Amino acid sequence: MMTRPAPGTRAGYRAFRTIQTRWMDNDVYGHMNNVVHYSLFDTAVNGWLVERGVLDFHGGRQIGLVVETGCRYFAEMAFPDVVTAGIRVARLGSSSVRYEVGLFRNADETAAAEGFFIHVYVDRESRKPMPLNEALRVALEGIAT
């Protein structure tokens, strides 16, 4: 029998972004649909990168492509909850990053869901992996565990 990991706490994350849920996030069961969690992961991480000036998704030479993702669900969330996304970098390679994100409902200290995704950073035109640029690496080192 496999033991299910316990949800993490806010203390385990290095950066935070607050995201308001929307009416359309709820499904017919009255809670946030599971696919919304992945959208929140993407919004939290990419918003954090844009705020730090290390992601220019319109014209930057380097972009991150998702190559793997996963999520564990621990508790329900629903509109009108406010979600705080905790972000950390669990692995920093030469051209790849494993982001881990905890989604915290309202003021809860334990995560309602925790997930990860791995970005491989590539040249926008060729789509070939390229080393992380220096500004991006420095920003990511600041939230690495």
N, C-alpha and C. Protein backbone atom coordinates (compact mmCIF):
# COMPACT_ATOMS: atom_id res chain seq x y z
N MET A 1 0.84 -1.18 0.00
CA MET A 1 0.00 0.00 0.00
C MET A 1 0.89 1.25 0.00
N MET A 2 0.58 2.17 -0.91
CA MET A 2 1.37 3.39 -1.02
C MET A 2 0.86 4.43 -0.02
N THR A 3 1.79 5.08 0.68
CA THR A 3 1.43 6.12 1.63
C THR A 3 1.29 7.44 0.89
N ARG A 4 0.18 8.10 1.11
CA ARG A 4 -0.07 9.39 0.48
C ARG A 4 0.67 10.48 1.26
N PRO A 5 1.43 11.32 0.57
CA PRO A 5 2.13 12.40 1.27
C PRO A 5 1.15 13.40 1.87
N ALA A 6 1.55 13.99 2.97
CA ALA A 6 0.74 15.03 3.61
C ALA A 6 0.91 16.34 2.83
N PRO A 7 -0.09 17.19 2.86
CA PRO A 7 0.05 18.48 2.17
C PRO A 7 1.13 19.33 2.84
N GLY A 8 1.81 20.13 2.01
CA GLY A 8 2.82 21.03 2.51
C GLY A 8 2.20 22.27 3.15
N THR A 9 3.04 23.07 3.75
CA THR A 9 2.60 24.31 4.39
C THR A 9 3.22 25.51 3.68
N ARG A 10 2.70 26.68 3.99
CA ARG A 10 3.21 27.92 3.39
C ARG A 10 4.70 28.09 3.68
N ALA A 11 5.15 27.64 4.82
CA ALA A 11 6.56 27.80 5.20
C ALA A 11 7.51 27.09 4.24
N GLY A 12 7.02 26.15 3.47
CA GLY A 12 7.85 25.40 2.54
C GLY A 12 8.07 26.09 1.20
N TYR A 13 7.49 27.26 1.02
CA TYR A 13 7.59 27.96 -0.26
C TYR A 13 8.32 29.28 -0.10
N ARG A 14 8.93 29.75 -1.18
CA ARG A 14 9.82 30.91 -1.13
C ARG A 14 9.22 32.19 -1.70
N ALA A 15 8.25 32.09 -2.59
CA ALA A 15 7.63 33.26 -3.20
C ALA A 15 6.12 33.01 -3.24
N PHE A 16 5.34 34.09 -3.28
CA PHE A 16 3.89 33.95 -3.23
C PHE A 16 3.22 34.93 -4.18
N ARG A 17 2.12 34.46 -4.77
CA ARG A 17 1.26 35.31 -5.61
C ARG A 17 -0.18 35.00 -5.25
N THR A 18 -0.99 36.02 -5.16
CA THR A 18 -2.41 35.86 -4.83
C THR A 18 -3.23 35.90 -6.12
N ILE A 19 -4.17 34.96 -6.23
CA ILE A 19 -5.00 34.85 -7.43
C ILE A 19 -6.46 34.67 -6.99
N GLN A 20 -7.32 35.50 -7.51
CA GLN A 20 -8.76 35.41 -7.21
C GLN A 20 -9.39 34.33 -8.10
N THR A 21 -10.15 33.44 -7.49
CA THR A 21 -10.90 32.47 -8.29
C THR A 21 -12.03 33.19 -9.02
N ARG A 22 -12.54 32.53 -10.05
CA ARG A 22 -13.61 33.09 -10.87
C ARG A 22 -14.83 32.18 -10.82
N TRP A 23 -15.98 32.71 -11.08
CA TRP A 23 -17.22 31.94 -11.10
C TRP A 23 -17.08 30.73 -12.02
N MET A 24 -16.46 30.93 -13.19
CA MET A 24 -16.35 29.84 -14.16
C MET A 24 -15.37 28.74 -13.74
N ASP A 25 -14.62 28.94 -12.65
CA ASP A 25 -13.70 27.91 -12.17
C ASP A 25 -14.42 26.74 -11.52
N ASN A 26 -15.65 26.96 -11.05
CA ASN A 26 -16.42 25.90 -10.40
C ASN A 26 -16.99 24.95 -11.45
N ASP A 27 -17.09 23.69 -11.08
CA ASP A 27 -17.71 22.71 -11.99
C ASP A 27 -19.08 22.30 -11.45
N VAL A 28 -19.69 21.32 -12.06
CA VAL A 28 -21.04 20.91 -11.66
C VAL A 28 -21.08 20.31 -10.26
N TYR A 29 -19.93 19.95 -9.71
CA TYR A 29 -19.88 19.40 -8.36
C TYR A 29 -19.74 20.48 -7.29
N GLY A 30 -19.66 21.74 -7.72
CA GLY A 30 -19.63 22.85 -6.78
C GLY A 30 -18.25 23.21 -6.26
N HIS A 31 -17.20 22.65 -6.87
CA HIS A 31 -15.85 23.04 -6.48
C HIS A 31 -15.03 23.35 -7.73
N MET A 32 -13.83 23.86 -7.49
CA MET A 32 -12.96 24.23 -8.60
C MET A 32 -12.57 22.98 -9.38
N ASN A 33 -12.76 23.02 -10.68
CA ASN A 33 -12.44 21.89 -11.53
C ASN A 33 -10.94 21.64 -11.53
N ASN A 34 -10.54 20.39 -11.61
CA ASN A 34 -9.11 20.03 -11.51
C ASN A 34 -8.23 20.69 -12.56
N VAL A 35 -8.75 20.96 -13.74
CA VAL A 35 -7.90 21.58 -14.77
C VAL A 35 -7.54 23.02 -14.41
N VAL A 36 -8.34 23.67 -13.57
CA VAL A 36 -8.06 25.04 -13.17
C VAL A 36 -6.77 25.11 -12.35
N HIS A 37 -6.48 24.08 -11.58
CA HIS A 37 -5.26 24.05 -10.78
C HIS A 37 -4.02 24.26 -11.67
N TYR A 38 -4.00 23.59 -12.82
CA TYR A 38 -2.87 23.73 -13.73
C TYR A 38 -2.76 25.15 -14.29
N SER A 39 -3.90 25.76 -14.55
CA SER A 39 -3.90 27.14 -15.00
C SER A 39 -3.34 28.07 -13.91
N LEU A 40 -3.70 27.80 -12.67
CA LEU A 40 -3.18 28.60 -11.56
C LEU A 40 -1.67 28.42 -11.40
N PHE A 41 -1.17 27.21 -11.58
CA PHE A 41 0.29 26.99 -11.53
C PHE A 41 0.98 27.86 -12.57
N ASP A 42 0.48 27.80 -13.79
CA ASP A 42 1.05 28.55 -14.90
C ASP A 42 0.98 30.06 -14.64
N THR A 43 -0.17 30.52 -14.18
CA THR A 43 -0.36 31.94 -13.90
C THR A 43 0.59 32.41 -12.81
N ALA A 44 0.72 31.63 -11.75
CA ALA A 44 1.58 32.02 -10.63
C ALA A 44 3.03 32.11 -11.05
N VAL A 45 3.55 31.08 -11.69
CA VAL A 45 4.97 31.06 -12.05
C VAL A 45 5.28 32.10 -13.12
N ASN A 46 4.50 32.12 -14.19
CA ASN A 46 4.79 33.08 -15.26
C ASN A 46 4.57 34.52 -14.81
N GLY A 47 3.58 34.76 -13.95
CA GLY A 47 3.39 36.10 -13.39
C GLY A 47 4.59 36.52 -12.56
N TRP A 48 5.11 35.61 -11.76
CA TRP A 48 6.29 35.89 -10.94
C TRP A 48 7.49 36.21 -11.82
N LEU A 49 7.68 35.44 -12.90
CA LEU A 49 8.80 35.68 -13.81
C LEU A 49 8.67 37.04 -14.52
N VAL A 50 7.46 37.38 -14.94
CA VAL A 50 7.23 38.67 -15.61
C VAL A 50 7.50 39.81 -14.63
N GLU A 51 7.00 39.69 -13.38
CA GLU A 51 7.21 40.73 -12.38
C GLU A 51 8.70 40.99 -12.12
N ARG A 52 9.51 39.97 -12.24
CA ARG A 52 10.95 40.12 -12.02
C ARG A 52 11.70 40.54 -13.28
N GLY A 53 11.00 40.67 -14.37
CA GLY A 53 11.62 41.13 -15.60
C GLY A 53 12.48 40.09 -16.30
N VAL A 54 12.24 38.80 -16.02
CA VAL A 54 13.06 37.74 -16.62
C VAL A 54 12.29 36.90 -17.64
N LEU A 55 11.04 37.29 -17.91
CA LEU A 55 10.26 36.62 -18.95
C LEU A 55 9.62 37.68 -19.83
N ASP A 56 9.98 37.65 -21.10
CA ASP A 56 9.35 38.50 -22.11
C ASP A 56 8.70 37.54 -23.10
N PHE A 57 7.44 37.20 -22.84
CA PHE A 57 6.79 36.19 -23.68
C PHE A 57 6.40 36.72 -25.05
N HIS A 58 6.46 38.03 -25.25
CA HIS A 58 6.15 38.58 -26.57
C HIS A 58 7.35 38.57 -27.50
N GLY A 59 8.54 38.91 -26.97
CA GLY A 59 9.67 39.07 -27.86
C GLY A 59 10.99 38.53 -27.35
N GLY A 60 10.98 37.90 -26.19
CA GLY A 60 12.23 37.37 -25.64
C GLY A 60 12.78 36.25 -26.49
N ARG A 61 14.10 36.14 -26.51
CA ARG A 61 14.74 35.09 -27.30
C ARG A 61 14.53 33.72 -26.68
N GLN A 62 14.45 33.67 -25.34
CA GLN A 62 14.35 32.40 -24.62
C GLN A 62 12.95 32.24 -24.04
N ILE A 63 12.36 31.05 -24.25
CA ILE A 63 11.04 30.75 -23.70
C ILE A 63 11.09 29.38 -23.01
N GLY A 64 10.19 29.17 -22.07
CA GLY A 64 10.11 27.89 -21.37
C GLY A 64 8.96 27.06 -21.91
N LEU A 65 9.24 25.81 -22.24
CA LEU A 65 8.21 24.87 -22.69
C LEU A 65 8.01 23.81 -21.60
N VAL A 66 6.77 23.53 -21.28
CA VAL A 66 6.46 22.52 -20.27
C VAL A 66 6.67 21.13 -20.87
N VAL A 67 7.46 20.30 -20.17
CA VAL A 67 7.72 18.94 -20.65
C VAL A 67 7.15 17.87 -19.70
N GLU A 68 6.79 18.28 -18.49
CA GLU A 68 6.20 17.33 -17.53
C GLU A 68 5.45 18.12 -16.48
N THR A 69 4.35 17.55 -15.99
CA THR A 69 3.55 18.22 -14.96
C THR A 69 2.81 17.20 -14.12
N GLY A 70 2.42 17.60 -12.93
CA GLY A 70 1.65 16.73 -12.05
C GLY A 70 1.02 17.52 -10.92
N CYS A 71 0.01 16.92 -10.27
CA CYS A 71 -0.69 17.60 -9.19
C CYS A 71 -1.27 16.57 -8.22
N ARG A 72 -1.23 16.93 -6.92
CA ARG A 72 -1.93 16.17 -5.88
C ARG A 72 -2.97 17.09 -5.27
N TYR A 73 -4.15 16.58 -5.08
CA TYR A 73 -5.27 17.35 -4.53
C TYR A 73 -5.52 16.91 -3.09
N PHE A 74 -5.66 17.87 -2.19
CA PHE A 74 -5.85 17.56 -0.77
C PHE A 74 -7.18 18.07 -0.23
N ALA A 75 -7.64 19.22 -0.72
CA ALA A 75 -8.87 19.83 -0.21
C ALA A 75 -9.53 20.61 -1.35
N GLU A 76 -10.83 20.78 -1.24
CA GLU A 76 -11.57 21.50 -2.27
C GLU A 76 -11.36 23.01 -2.15
N MET A 77 -11.43 23.66 -3.30
CA MET A 77 -11.49 25.10 -3.38
C MET A 77 -12.64 25.43 -4.32
N ALA A 78 -13.20 26.64 -4.18
CA ALA A 78 -14.31 27.04 -5.04
C ALA A 78 -14.41 28.56 -5.05
N PHE A 79 -15.00 29.10 -6.12
CA PHE A 79 -15.32 30.52 -6.13
C PHE A 79 -16.25 30.79 -4.96
N PRO A 80 -16.03 31.84 -4.18
CA PRO A 80 -15.16 32.98 -4.35
C PRO A 80 -13.85 32.92 -3.55
N ASP A 81 -13.28 31.74 -3.35
CA ASP A 81 -12.02 31.64 -2.61
C ASP A 81 -10.93 32.49 -3.25
N VAL A 82 -10.04 32.95 -2.41
CA VAL A 82 -8.81 33.59 -2.87
C VAL A 82 -7.71 32.56 -2.68
N VAL A 83 -6.93 32.35 -3.72
CA VAL A 83 -5.86 31.35 -3.68
C VAL A 83 -4.52 32.07 -3.59
N THR A 84 -3.70 31.62 -2.66
CA THR A 84 -2.32 32.08 -2.61
C THR A 84 -1.48 30.93 -3.15
N ALA A 85 -0.72 31.23 -4.20
CA ALA A 85 0.16 30.22 -4.79
C ALA A 85 1.55 30.42 -4.22
N GLY A 86 2.05 29.39 -3.56
CA GLY A 86 3.44 29.38 -3.10
C GLY A 86 4.29 28.76 -4.19
N ILE A 87 5.45 29.36 -4.45
CA ILE A 87 6.32 28.91 -5.55
C ILE A 87 7.71 28.63 -5.01
N ARG A 88 8.32 27.57 -5.51
CA ARG A 88 9.72 27.29 -5.22
C ARG A 88 10.33 26.57 -6.41
N VAL A 89 11.65 26.62 -6.48
CA VAL A 89 12.39 25.88 -7.50
C VAL A 89 13.03 24.70 -6.80
N ALA A 90 12.66 23.49 -7.22
CA ALA A 90 13.18 22.27 -6.61
C ALA A 90 14.43 21.77 -7.31
N ARG A 91 14.57 22.09 -8.60
CA ARG A 91 15.76 21.65 -9.35
C ARG A 91 16.04 22.69 -10.42
N LEU A 92 17.30 23.07 -10.49
CA LEU A 92 17.73 24.06 -11.46
C LEU A 92 18.86 23.44 -12.28
N GLY A 93 18.56 23.12 -13.53
CA GLY A 93 19.55 22.54 -14.42
C GLY A 93 20.16 23.60 -15.31
N SER A 94 20.88 23.18 -16.34
CA SER A 94 21.49 24.16 -17.23
C SER A 94 20.45 24.81 -18.15
N SER A 95 19.44 24.02 -18.58
CA SER A 95 18.40 24.59 -19.43
C SER A 95 16.99 24.24 -18.93
N SER A 96 16.89 23.60 -17.78
CA SER A 96 15.58 23.19 -17.28
C SER A 96 15.39 23.60 -15.82
N VAL A 97 14.11 23.70 -15.44
CA VAL A 97 13.74 24.09 -14.08
C VAL A 97 12.54 23.25 -13.66
N ARG A 98 12.60 22.74 -12.44
CA ARG A 98 11.42 22.09 -11.86
C ARG A 98 10.82 23.07 -10.86
N TYR A 99 9.66 23.61 -11.23
CA TYR A 99 8.90 24.49 -10.35
C TYR A 99 7.95 23.64 -9.52
N GLU A 100 7.81 23.97 -8.26
CA GLU A 100 6.79 23.35 -7.42
C GLU A 100 5.90 24.47 -6.89
N VAL A 101 4.58 24.19 -6.92
CA VAL A 101 3.60 25.21 -6.55
C VAL A 101 2.60 24.61 -5.57
N GLY A 102 2.38 25.30 -4.48
CA GLY A 102 1.33 24.94 -3.52
C GLY A 102 0.20 25.94 -3.64
N LEU A 103 -1.02 25.46 -3.68
CA LEU A 103 -2.19 26.34 -3.74
C LEU A 103 -2.89 26.33 -2.38
N PHE A 104 -2.97 27.51 -1.78
CA PHE A 104 -3.51 27.66 -0.43
C PHE A 104 -4.83 28.42 -0.50
N ARG A 105 -5.88 27.82 0.06
CA ARG A 105 -7.23 28.41 0.03
C ARG A 105 -7.36 29.45 1.14
N ASN A 106 -7.72 30.66 0.76
CA ASN A 106 -7.94 31.76 1.69
C ASN A 106 -6.75 31.86 2.67
N ALA A 107 -6.98 31.76 3.97
CA ALA A 107 -5.88 31.91 4.94
C ALA A 107 -5.32 30.57 5.41
N ASP A 108 -5.72 29.47 4.77
CA ASP A 108 -5.24 28.14 5.20
C ASP A 108 -3.72 28.06 5.16
N GLU A 109 -3.15 27.40 6.13
CA GLU A 109 -1.70 27.21 6.21
C GLU A 109 -1.23 25.95 5.48
N THR A 110 -2.14 25.00 5.24
CA THR A 110 -1.77 23.79 4.51
C THR A 110 -2.36 23.86 3.09
N ALA A 111 -1.65 23.27 2.18
CA ALA A 111 -2.02 23.35 0.77
C ALA A 111 -3.28 22.56 0.46
N ALA A 112 -4.15 23.13 -0.35
CA ALA A 112 -5.30 22.42 -0.89
C ALA A 112 -4.88 21.55 -2.06
N ALA A 113 -3.80 21.96 -2.73
CA ALA A 113 -3.23 21.18 -3.85
C ALA A 113 -1.76 21.56 -3.97
N GLU A 114 -0.97 20.59 -4.43
CA GLU A 114 0.44 20.84 -4.70
C GLU A 114 0.78 20.20 -6.03
N GLY A 115 1.53 20.92 -6.82
CA GLY A 115 1.90 20.40 -8.12
C GLY A 115 3.28 20.84 -8.54
N PHE A 116 3.65 20.39 -9.71
CA PHE A 116 4.95 20.75 -10.27
C PHE A 116 4.81 20.83 -11.78
N PHE A 117 5.73 21.54 -12.37
CA PHE A 117 5.94 21.42 -13.80
C PHE A 117 7.39 21.71 -14.09
N ILE A 118 7.86 21.09 -15.15
CA ILE A 118 9.24 21.26 -15.58
C ILE A 118 9.24 22.03 -16.89
N HIS A 119 9.96 23.14 -16.87
CA HIS A 119 10.18 23.93 -18.08
C HIS A 119 11.55 23.57 -18.63
N VAL A 120 11.63 23.37 -19.92
CA VAL A 120 12.91 23.35 -20.62
C VAL A 120 12.95 24.67 -21.38
N TYR A 121 14.00 25.44 -21.15
CA TYR A 121 14.14 26.74 -21.81
C TYR A 121 14.82 26.54 -23.15
N VAL A 122 14.18 27.11 -24.16
CA VAL A 122 14.60 26.91 -25.54
C VAL A 122 14.71 28.25 -26.26
N ASP A 123 15.41 28.21 -27.38
CA ASP A 123 15.45 29.35 -28.28
C ASP A 123 14.08 29.48 -28.94
N ARG A 124 13.51 30.67 -28.92
CA ARG A 124 12.17 30.89 -29.46
C ARG A 124 12.04 30.41 -30.90
N GLU A 125 13.04 30.65 -31.73
CA GLU A 125 12.95 30.32 -33.16
C GLU A 125 13.23 28.84 -33.44
N SER A 126 14.33 28.34 -32.93
CA SER A 126 14.74 26.96 -33.27
C SER A 126 14.07 25.91 -32.40
N ARG A 127 13.58 26.33 -31.23
CA ARG A 127 13.00 25.43 -30.23
C ARG A 127 14.04 24.44 -29.68
N LYS A 128 15.30 24.75 -29.81
CA LYS A 128 16.38 23.92 -29.26
C LYS A 128 16.71 24.42 -27.85
N PRO A 129 16.96 23.48 -26.91
CA PRO A 129 17.32 23.90 -25.56
C PRO A 129 18.54 24.83 -25.56
N MET A 130 18.50 25.78 -24.64
CA MET A 130 19.62 26.71 -24.48
C MET A 130 19.82 26.97 -23.00
N PRO A 131 21.04 27.25 -22.58
CA PRO A 131 21.29 27.52 -21.16
C PRO A 131 20.44 28.70 -20.68
N LEU A 132 20.02 28.62 -19.42
CA LEU A 132 19.26 29.72 -18.81
C LEU A 132 20.09 30.99 -18.88
N ASN A 133 19.45 32.10 -19.26
CA ASN A 133 20.20 33.35 -19.26
C ASN A 133 20.50 33.75 -17.82
N GLU A 134 21.49 34.60 -17.64
CA GLU A 134 22.00 34.93 -16.30
C GLU A 134 20.93 35.56 -15.41
N ALA A 135 20.15 36.49 -15.92
CA ALA A 135 19.12 37.14 -15.10
C ALA A 135 18.08 36.13 -14.62
N LEU A 136 17.68 35.22 -15.49
CA LEU A 136 16.71 34.19 -15.12
C LEU A 136 17.31 33.28 -14.06
N ARG A 137 18.53 32.84 -14.26
CA ARG A 137 19.19 31.95 -13.29
C ARG A 137 19.26 32.61 -11.92
N VAL A 138 19.64 33.86 -11.86
CA VAL A 138 19.75 34.57 -10.56
C VAL A 138 18.39 34.64 -9.89
N ALA A 139 17.34 34.98 -10.64
CA ALA A 139 16.00 35.05 -10.07
C ALA A 139 15.58 33.69 -9.52
N LEU A 140 15.83 32.63 -10.27
CA LEU A 140 15.41 31.28 -9.85
C LEU A 140 16.22 30.80 -8.65
N GLU A 141 17.49 31.13 -8.60
CA GLU A 141 18.29 30.76 -7.43
C GLU A 141 17.74 31.37 -6.15
N GLY A 142 17.09 32.53 -6.28
CA GLY A 142 16.51 33.20 -5.13
C GLY A 142 15.33 32.48 -4.51
N ILE A 143 14.69 31.57 -5.25
CA ILE A 143 13.56 30.82 -4.70
C ILE A 143 13.84 29.31 -4.70
N ALA A 144 15.09 28.95 -4.89
CA ALA A 144 15.46 27.52 -4.89
C ALA A 144 15.52 26.99 -3.47
N THR A 145 15.14 25.73 -3.34
CA THR A 145 15.17 25.08 -2.01
C THR A 145 16.37 24.19 -1.88
